[in-house]
Structures are given as C-alpha cells and as structure tokens.
Amino acid sequence: PSAAIHATTARLSKRRTPPDAVAEPTLPDVLEPKLNIVFCAPNEGAGRTRHYYAKPGNRFWPTLFDIGLTSERLTPTDYLKLPQQRLGLIELARFAGYEDQDLPHYFDRESLLKKIERYQPRVLAFTSKHAGECFLGHRLDYGPQVATIGSTVLYVLPSPSGSASRYWDIRQWERLAQLVKRDSDDENPNERCVSRAV
C-alpha cells in the first residue's frame, strides 16, 4: 500500500501550481514519535488565524473531548498541548486563495508522506473527505482506508468545519476514538488511553 501511495504522490505532484497561488504562512507541525493520531488539516486559513481549527463554528476541539481523546476541553490556542494526549497536527496545503475544486494543486503530498513515514503515528486522520481523496488520488468512503503508510492507518473523517455542517457525523469520530483505545488497551491492558478529568 505504501508503494501505491508513493506512486500516486509522484504522479499528482507533477501538476503545476496555479500562477495566482499565494504562499501563506503555515502553522508548525505538532509531531513527535509514538502519537496515537495525527490530524491532517487541509488548510482553512490556519496561517491567518494562527491556530488550527480556529474558525467560528468549527467542532474540532469540543469533539476531541466529547469522544474521549482529550482529558480536558482544549481551545485552538492550546494546540501545542496535544502531544500530551498523544495527538498531533499537520497542515497539508501550502497556498491560500484556492477554490475547493482546485485543492489538488495546492497540497504538499510529498512532505506529508515523508513526515508520516518518519514519525509513524498509529493513525493519520484526514479531517476532510475531499482532502483524503486528493491525497490518495481516488474517491473513498469515511472511515479506515485500505492503504497505509508503513504501519500508519489512514482514516477519513467528516469535516468539523461549520461550513460543512450538512456532512457532519460524530459517529465516525467516535469510531476512530474506539479504534485507538482498543489498540492501546491491547498493548497496555492495565492503562487507559486517556484518563478523563473528573
């Protein structure tokens, strides 16, 4: 599966970046070894807001707590605290000003692939179906994918963006949390993945 992703990345990376693309400040990756999940943000103007998933109406941060992935309610300004919960973040797009249909031209697939191969989180979760389809190069469903990056499972989630409310379904997020918890319990039967604050 990793070989297929490399081939797709090589093919899609040949697409030319549109001449009107505007380089945008990017947020720092939140990555380290042994993370349970790295969430991949397609780019929703994160460089302008200075924080991940910071636009009004975005469900990302409250959902992490609601499904048990964080032990406290975090806000966008807390994004550097995520590794304490064995979670990470990475941004995929390099440019601003694109329309949704032009998304494939603005993704940095090669950089994402190299970083995931280096850090090998348990799961790379795309927080946008379109982002996952652009990365893998074909249509797909929500949930775990057949392709992997080394030992890293690829998972596609409904977007938490307020502008994508009609596609929102927290159940896929809950299934991802259950998957990670089950794997963690298998490795550490006497420990919980996350100890919720009481």
C-alpha atoms as a PDB file:
ATOM      1  CA  PRO A   1       0.000   0.000   0.000  1.00  0.00           C
ATOM      2  CA  SER A   2       2.799   2.479   0.790  1.00  0.00           C
ATOM      3  CA  ALA A   3       4.314   1.890  -2.643  1.00  0.00           C
ATOM      4  CA  ALA A   4       0.988   2.749  -4.258  1.00  0.00           C
ATOM      5  CA  ILE A   5       0.817   5.975  -2.271  1.00  0.00           C
ATOM      6  CA  HIS A   6       4.351   6.874  -3.358  1.00  0.00           C
ATOM      7  CA  ALA A   7       3.371   6.276  -6.986  1.00  0.00           C
ATOM      8  CA  THR A   8       0.250   8.403  -6.638  1.00  0.00           C
ATOM      9  CA  THR A   9       2.232  11.149  -4.938  1.00  0.00           C
ATOM     10  CA  ALA A  10       4.810  11.167  -7.733  1.00  0.00           C
ATOM     11  CA  ARG A  11       2.075  11.353 -10.374  1.00  0.00           C
ATOM     12  CA  LEU A  12      -0.007  14.043  -8.711  1.00  0.00           C
ATOM     13  CA  SER A  13       2.996  16.132  -7.701  1.00  0.00           C
ATOM     14  CA  LYS A  14       3.625  16.816 -11.389  1.00  0.00           C
ATOM     15  CA  ARG A  15       0.541  19.008 -11.507  1.00  0.00           C
ATOM     16  CA  ARG A  16       1.542  22.622 -11.830  1.00  0.00           C
ATOM     17  CA  THR A  17       0.692  25.059  -9.080  1.00  0.00           C
ATOM     18  CA  PRO A  18      -1.660  27.736 -10.482  1.00  0.00           C
ATOM     19  CA  PRO A  19       0.159  31.016 -11.210  1.00  0.00           C
ATOM     20  CA  ASP A  20      -2.168  33.001  -8.924  1.00  0.00           C
ATOM     21  CA  ALA A  21      -1.350  30.857  -5.886  1.00  0.00           C
ATOM     22  CA  VAL A  22      -0.356  32.930  -2.878  1.00  0.00           C
ATOM     23  CA  ALA A  23       2.098  31.495  -0.379  1.00  0.00           C
ATOM     24  CA  GLU A  24       0.558  31.576   3.087  1.00  0.00           C
ATOM     25  CA  PRO A  25       2.221  31.361   6.482  1.00  0.00           C
ATOM     26  CA  THR A  26       1.845  27.829   7.759  1.00  0.00           C
ATOM     27  CA  LEU A  27       1.437  26.640  11.292  1.00  0.00           C
ATOM     28  CA  PRO A  28       4.129  24.487  12.888  1.00  0.00           C
ATOM     29  CA  ASP A  29       3.605  20.753  12.680  1.00  0.00           C
ATOM     30  CA  VAL A  30       2.714  19.181  16.010  1.00  0.00           C
ATOM     31  CA  LEU A  31       4.567  15.901  15.625  1.00  0.00           C
ATOM     32  CA  GLU A  32       6.617  13.548  17.741  1.00  0.00           C
ATOM     33  CA  PRO A  33       7.128   9.780  17.898  1.00  0.00           C
ATOM     34  CA  LYS A  34       4.533   7.401  19.358  1.00  0.00           C
ATOM     35  CA  LEU A  35       1.426   9.509  18.767  1.00  0.00           C
ATOM     36  CA  ASN A  36      -1.928   7.780  18.542  1.00  0.00           C
ATOM     37  CA  ILE A  37      -3.451  10.086  15.945  1.00  0.00           C
ATOM     38  CA  VAL A  38      -2.159  12.883  13.736  1.00  0.00           C
ATOM     39  CA  PHE A  39      -4.996  15.001  12.359  1.00  0.00           C
ATOM     40  CA  CYS A  40      -4.368  16.395   8.899  1.00  0.00           C
ATOM     41  CA  ALA A  41      -5.874  19.832   8.314  1.00  0.00           C
ATOM     42  CA  PRO A  42      -6.447  20.572   4.618  1.00  0.00           C
ATOM     43  CA  ASN A  43      -5.927  24.318   5.278  1.00  0.00           C
ATOM     44  CA  GLU A  44      -8.804  26.523   6.266  1.00  0.00           C
ATOM     45  CA  GLY A  45      -6.846  29.736   6.530  1.00  0.00           C
ATOM     46  CA  ALA A  46      -4.959  28.374   9.512  1.00  0.00           C
ATOM     47  CA  GLY A  47      -1.952  30.553   8.758  1.00  0.00           C
ATOM     48  CA  ARG A  48      -4.119  33.660   9.068  1.00  0.00           C
ATOM     49  CA  THR A  49      -5.835  32.631  12.302  1.00  0.00           C
ATOM     50  CA  ARG A  50      -2.519  31.446  13.791  1.00  0.00           C
ATOM     51  CA  HIS A  51      -4.215  28.359  15.210  1.00  0.00           C
ATOM     52  CA  TYR A  52      -5.568  25.060  13.936  1.00  0.00           C
ATOM     53  CA  TYR A  53      -9.349  24.689  13.512  1.00  0.00           C
ATOM     54  CA  ALA A  54      -9.941  28.183  14.833  1.00  0.00           C
ATOM     55  CA  LYS A  55     -12.732  29.467  12.608  1.00  0.00           C
ATOM     56  CA  PRO A  56     -16.100  30.146  14.282  1.00  0.00           C
ATOM     57  CA  GLY A  57     -18.354  27.105  14.347  1.00  0.00           C
ATOM     58  CA  ASN A  58     -15.574  24.549  13.956  1.00  0.00           C
ATOM     59  CA  ARG A  59     -16.358  21.430  16.009  1.00  0.00           C
ATOM     60  CA  PHE A  60     -12.830  20.018  16.161  1.00  0.00           C
ATOM     61  CA  TRP A  61     -11.813  20.995  19.699  1.00  0.00           C
ATOM     62  CA  PRO A  62     -15.051  20.220  21.567  1.00  0.00           C
ATOM     63  CA  THR A  63     -15.351  16.932  19.671  1.00  0.00           C
ATOM     64  CA  LEU A  64     -11.944  15.723  20.862  1.00  0.00           C
ATOM     65  CA  PHE A  65     -13.168  15.991  24.438  1.00  0.00           C
ATOM     66  CA  ASP A  66     -16.661  14.663  23.745  1.00  0.00           C
ATOM     67  CA  ILE A  67     -15.276  11.424  22.249  1.00  0.00           C
ATOM     68  CA  GLY A  68     -12.660  10.941  24.968  1.00  0.00           C
ATOM     69  CA  LEU A  69      -9.467  11.772  23.075  1.00  0.00           C
ATOM     70  CA  THR A  70      -8.537  14.618  25.419  1.00  0.00           C
ATOM     71  CA  SER A  71      -8.785  14.739  29.197  1.00  0.00           C
ATOM     72  CA  GLU A  72      -9.920  18.367  29.212  1.00  0.00           C
ATOM     73  CA  ARG A  73     -11.671  20.801  26.919  1.00  0.00           C
ATOM     74  CA  LEU A  74      -8.996  22.450  24.797  1.00  0.00           C
ATOM     75  CA  THR A  75      -9.264  25.529  22.577  1.00  0.00           C
ATOM     76  CA  PRO A  76      -7.424  26.454  19.369  1.00  0.00           C
ATOM     77  CA  THR A  77      -4.774  28.303  21.370  1.00  0.00           C
ATOM     78  CA  ASP A  78      -3.939  25.034  23.149  1.00  0.00           C
ATOM     79  CA  TYR A  79      -2.880  23.162  20.020  1.00  0.00           C
ATOM     80  CA  LEU A  80       0.724  22.714  21.177  1.00  0.00           C
ATOM     81  CA  LYS A  81      -0.579  20.743  24.174  1.00  0.00           C
ATOM     82  CA  LEU A  82      -1.959  17.926  22.026  1.00  0.00           C
ATOM     83  CA  PRO A  83       1.116  15.654  22.256  1.00  0.00           C
ATOM     84  CA  GLN A  84       0.369  15.366  25.998  1.00  0.00           C
ATOM     85  CA  GLN A  85      -2.763  13.496  24.855  1.00  0.00           C
ATOM     86  CA  ARG A  86      -0.763  11.510  22.258  1.00  0.00           C
ATOM     87  CA  LEU A  87      -2.296  13.530  19.440  1.00  0.00           C
ATOM     88  CA  GLY A  88      -0.690  15.608  16.712  1.00  0.00           C
ATOM     89  CA  LEU A  89      -1.495  18.037  13.910  1.00  0.00           C
ATOM     90  CA  ILE A  90      -0.185  18.711  10.452  1.00  0.00           C
ATOM     91  CA  GLU A  91      -1.217  21.064   7.657  1.00  0.00           C
ATOM     92  CA  LEU A  92      -1.354  19.820   4.082  1.00  0.00           C
ATOM     93  CA  ALA A  93      -1.779  22.869   1.836  1.00  0.00           C
ATOM     94  CA  ARG A  94       0.921  25.446   1.151  1.00  0.00           C
ATOM     95  CA  PHE A  95      -1.047  28.169  -0.566  1.00  0.00           C
ATOM     96  CA  ALA A  96      -4.032  30.399   0.064  1.00  0.00           C
ATOM     97  CA  GLY A  97      -6.771  31.609  -2.237  1.00  0.00           C
ATOM     98  CA  TYR A  98      -7.830  28.338  -3.812  1.00  0.00           C
ATOM     99  CA  GLU A  99     -11.302  27.159  -4.695  1.00  0.00           C
ATOM    100  CA  ASP A 100     -12.388  23.741  -3.450  1.00  0.00           C
ATOM    101  CA  GLN A 101     -12.195  22.163  -6.900  1.00  0.00           C
ATOM    102  CA  ASP A 102      -8.572  23.315  -7.239  1.00  0.00           C
ATOM    103  CA  LEU A 103      -7.493  21.716  -3.972  1.00  0.00           C
ATOM    104  CA  PRO A 104      -5.247  19.033  -5.574  1.00  0.00           C
ATOM    105  CA  HIS A 105      -2.930  21.721  -6.943  1.00  0.00           C
ATOM    106  CA  TYR A 106      -2.178  23.158  -3.525  1.00  0.00           C
ATOM    107  CA  PHE A 107      -1.371  20.074  -1.483  1.00  0.00           C
ATOM    108  CA  ASP A 108       2.159  19.166  -0.451  1.00  0.00           C
ATOM    109  CA  ARG A 109       1.758  15.377  -0.603  1.00  0.00           C
ATOM    110  CA  GLU A 110       5.440  14.558  -0.675  1.00  0.00           C
ATOM    111  CA  SER A 111       6.189  16.484   2.510  1.00  0.00           C
ATOM    112  CA  LEU A 112       3.245  14.883   4.326  1.00  0.00           C
ATOM    113  CA  LEU A 113       4.281  11.407   3.233  1.00  0.00           C
ATOM    114  CA  LYS A 114       7.871  11.860   4.426  1.00  0.00           C
ATOM    115  CA  LYS A 115       6.794  13.182   7.814  1.00  0.00           C
ATOM    116  CA  ILE A 116       4.357  10.341   8.445  1.00  0.00           C
ATOM    117  CA  GLU A 117       6.956   7.776   7.396  1.00  0.00           C
ATOM    118  CA  ARG A 118       9.376   9.352   9.856  1.00  0.00           C
ATOM    119  CA  TYR A 119       7.070   9.618  12.887  1.00  0.00           C
ATOM    120  CA  GLN A 120       4.743   6.649  12.195  1.00  0.00           C
ATOM    121  CA  PRO A 121       1.690   7.604  14.263  1.00  0.00           C
ATOM    122  CA  ARG A 122      -0.896   4.866  14.675  1.00  0.00           C
ATOM    123  CA  VAL A 123      -3.398   6.818  12.579  1.00  0.00           C
ATOM    124  CA  LEU A 124      -3.259   9.685  10.094  1.00  0.00           C
ATOM    125  CA  ALA A 125      -6.767  11.149  10.120  1.00  0.00           C
ATOM    126  CA  PHE A 126      -7.869  13.465   7.318  1.00  0.00           C
ATOM    127  CA  THR A 127     -10.436  15.895   8.679  1.00  0.00           C
ATOM    128  CA  SER A 128     -11.971  16.356   5.238  1.00  0.00           C
ATOM    129  CA  LYS A 129     -13.170  13.730   2.779  1.00  0.00           C
ATOM    130  CA  HIS A 130     -12.020  15.844  -0.137  1.00  0.00           C
ATOM    131  CA  ALA A 131      -8.562  16.155   1.403  1.00  0.00           C
ATOM    132  CA  GLY A 132      -8.299  12.377   1.764  1.00  0.00           C
ATOM    133  CA  GLU A 133      -9.437  11.872  -1.827  1.00  0.00           C
ATOM    134  CA  CYS A 134      -6.926  14.408  -3.106  1.00  0.00           C
ATOM    135  CA  PHE A 135      -4.101  12.748  -1.195  1.00  0.00           C
ATOM    136  CA  LEU A 136      -4.969   9.176  -2.205  1.00  0.00           C
ATOM    137  CA  GLY A 137      -5.969  10.111  -5.742  1.00  0.00           C
ATOM    138  CA  HIS A 138      -9.368   8.401  -5.858  1.00  0.00           C
ATOM    139  CA  ARG A 139     -12.863   8.518  -4.392  1.00  0.00           C
ATOM    140  CA  LEU A 140     -13.320   6.954  -0.985  1.00  0.00           C
ATOM    141  CA  ASP A 141     -15.666   6.490   1.935  1.00  0.00           C
ATOM    142  CA  TYR A 142     -15.374   7.701   5.505  1.00  0.00           C
ATOM    143  CA  GLY A 143     -13.543   5.506   7.958  1.00  0.00           C
ATOM    144  CA  PRO A 144     -10.328   3.430   7.771  1.00  0.00           C
ATOM    145  CA  GLN A 145      -8.763   3.021   4.335  1.00  0.00           C
ATOM    146  CA  VAL A 146      -7.104   0.013   2.700  1.00  0.00           C
ATOM    147  CA  ALA A 147      -3.921   1.976   2.004  1.00  0.00           C
ATOM    148  CA  THR A 148      -1.410   2.553   4.781  1.00  0.00           C
ATOM    149  CA  ILE A 149       1.832   4.468   5.196  1.00  0.00           C
ATOM    150  CA  GLY A 150       4.102   1.895   6.748  1.00  0.00           C
ATOM    151  CA  SER A 151       2.311   0.876   9.934  1.00  0.00           C
ATOM    152  CA  THR A 152       0.167   4.025   9.957  1.00  0.00           C
ATOM    153  CA  VAL A 153      -3.549   3.533   9.312  1.00  0.00           C
ATOM    154  CA  LEU A 154      -5.237   6.161   7.129  1.00  0.00           C
ATOM    155  CA  TYR A 155      -8.654   7.318   8.313  1.00  0.00           C
ATOM    156  CA  VAL A 156     -11.077   9.796   6.734  1.00  0.00           C
ATOM    157  CA  LEU A 157     -13.388  11.867   8.925  1.00  0.00           C
ATOM    158  CA  PRO A 158     -16.300  14.186   8.189  1.00  0.00           C
ATOM    159  CA  SER A 159     -15.102  17.773   8.268  1.00  0.00           C
ATOM    160  CA  PRO A 160     -15.656  19.569  11.592  1.00  0.00           C
ATOM    161  CA  SER A 161     -15.883  22.912   9.778  1.00  0.00           C
ATOM    162  CA  GLY A 162     -19.036  24.895  10.395  1.00  0.00           C
ATOM    163  CA  SER A 163     -19.368  25.391   6.639  1.00  0.00           C
ATOM    164  CA  ALA A 164     -19.628  21.607   6.188  1.00  0.00           C
ATOM    165  CA  SER A 165     -22.407  21.077   8.737  1.00  0.00           C
ATOM    166  CA  ARG A 166     -24.596  19.084   6.371  1.00  0.00           C
ATOM    167  CA  TYR A 167     -21.909  16.376   6.196  1.00  0.00           C
ATOM    168  CA  TRP A 168     -21.196  16.287   9.918  1.00  0.00           C
ATOM    169  CA  ASP A 169     -21.488  12.931  11.658  1.00  0.00           C
ATOM    170  CA  ILE A 170     -19.774  12.488  15.013  1.00  0.00           C
ATOM    171  CA  ARG A 171     -20.117   8.698  14.791  1.00  0.00           C
ATOM    172  CA  GLN A 172     -17.052   8.384  12.544  1.00  0.00           C
ATOM    173  CA  TRP A 173     -15.063  10.368  15.089  1.00  0.00           C
ATOM    174  CA  GLU A 174     -16.335   8.100  17.861  1.00  0.00           C
ATOM    175  CA  ARG A 175     -15.288   5.017  15.874  1.00  0.00           C
ATOM    176  CA  LEU A 176     -11.802   6.445  15.442  1.00  0.00           C
ATOM    177  CA  ALA A 177     -11.535   7.027  19.199  1.00  0.00           C
ATOM    178  CA  GLN A 178     -12.733   3.483  19.866  1.00  0.00           C
ATOM    179  CA  LEU A 179     -10.197   2.079  17.388  1.00  0.00           C
ATOM    180  CA  VAL A 180      -7.306   3.856  19.068  1.00  0.00           C
ATOM    181  CA  LYS A 181      -8.490   2.958  22.550  1.00  0.00           C
ATOM    182  CA  ARG A 182      -8.864  -0.705  21.613  1.00  0.00           C
ATOM    183  CA  ASP A 183      -5.353  -0.807  20.185  1.00  0.00           C
ATOM    184  CA  SER A 184      -3.978   0.930  23.263  1.00  0.00           C
ATOM    185  CA  ASP A 185      -5.762  -1.468  25.612  1.00  0.00           C
ATOM    186  CA  ASP A 186      -4.345  -4.414  23.659  1.00  0.00           C
ATOM    187  CA  GLU A 187      -0.825  -3.065  24.201  1.00  0.00           C
ATOM    188  CA  ASN A 188      -1.368  -1.828  27.771  1.00  0.00           C
ATOM    189  CA  PRO A 189      -4.260  -3.758  29.325  1.00  0.00           C
ATOM    190  CA  ASN A 190      -3.775  -2.051  32.679  1.00  0.00           C
ATOM    191  CA  GLU A 191      -3.766   1.504  31.290  1.00  0.00           C
ATOM    192  CA  ARG A 192      -6.376   3.741  29.671  1.00  0.00           C
ATOM    193  CA  CYS A 193      -5.517   5.672  26.518  1.00  0.00           C
ATOM    194  CA  VAL A 194      -6.702   8.913  28.110  1.00  0.00           C
ATOM    195  CA  SER A 195      -7.708   9.488  31.732  1.00  0.00           C
ATOM    196  CA  ARG A 196     -10.653  11.865  31.656  1.00  0.00           C
ATOM    197  CA  ALA A 197     -10.649  14.742  34.128  1.00  0.00           C
ATOM    198  CA  VAL A 198     -13.393  14.389  36.720  1.00  0.00           C
END
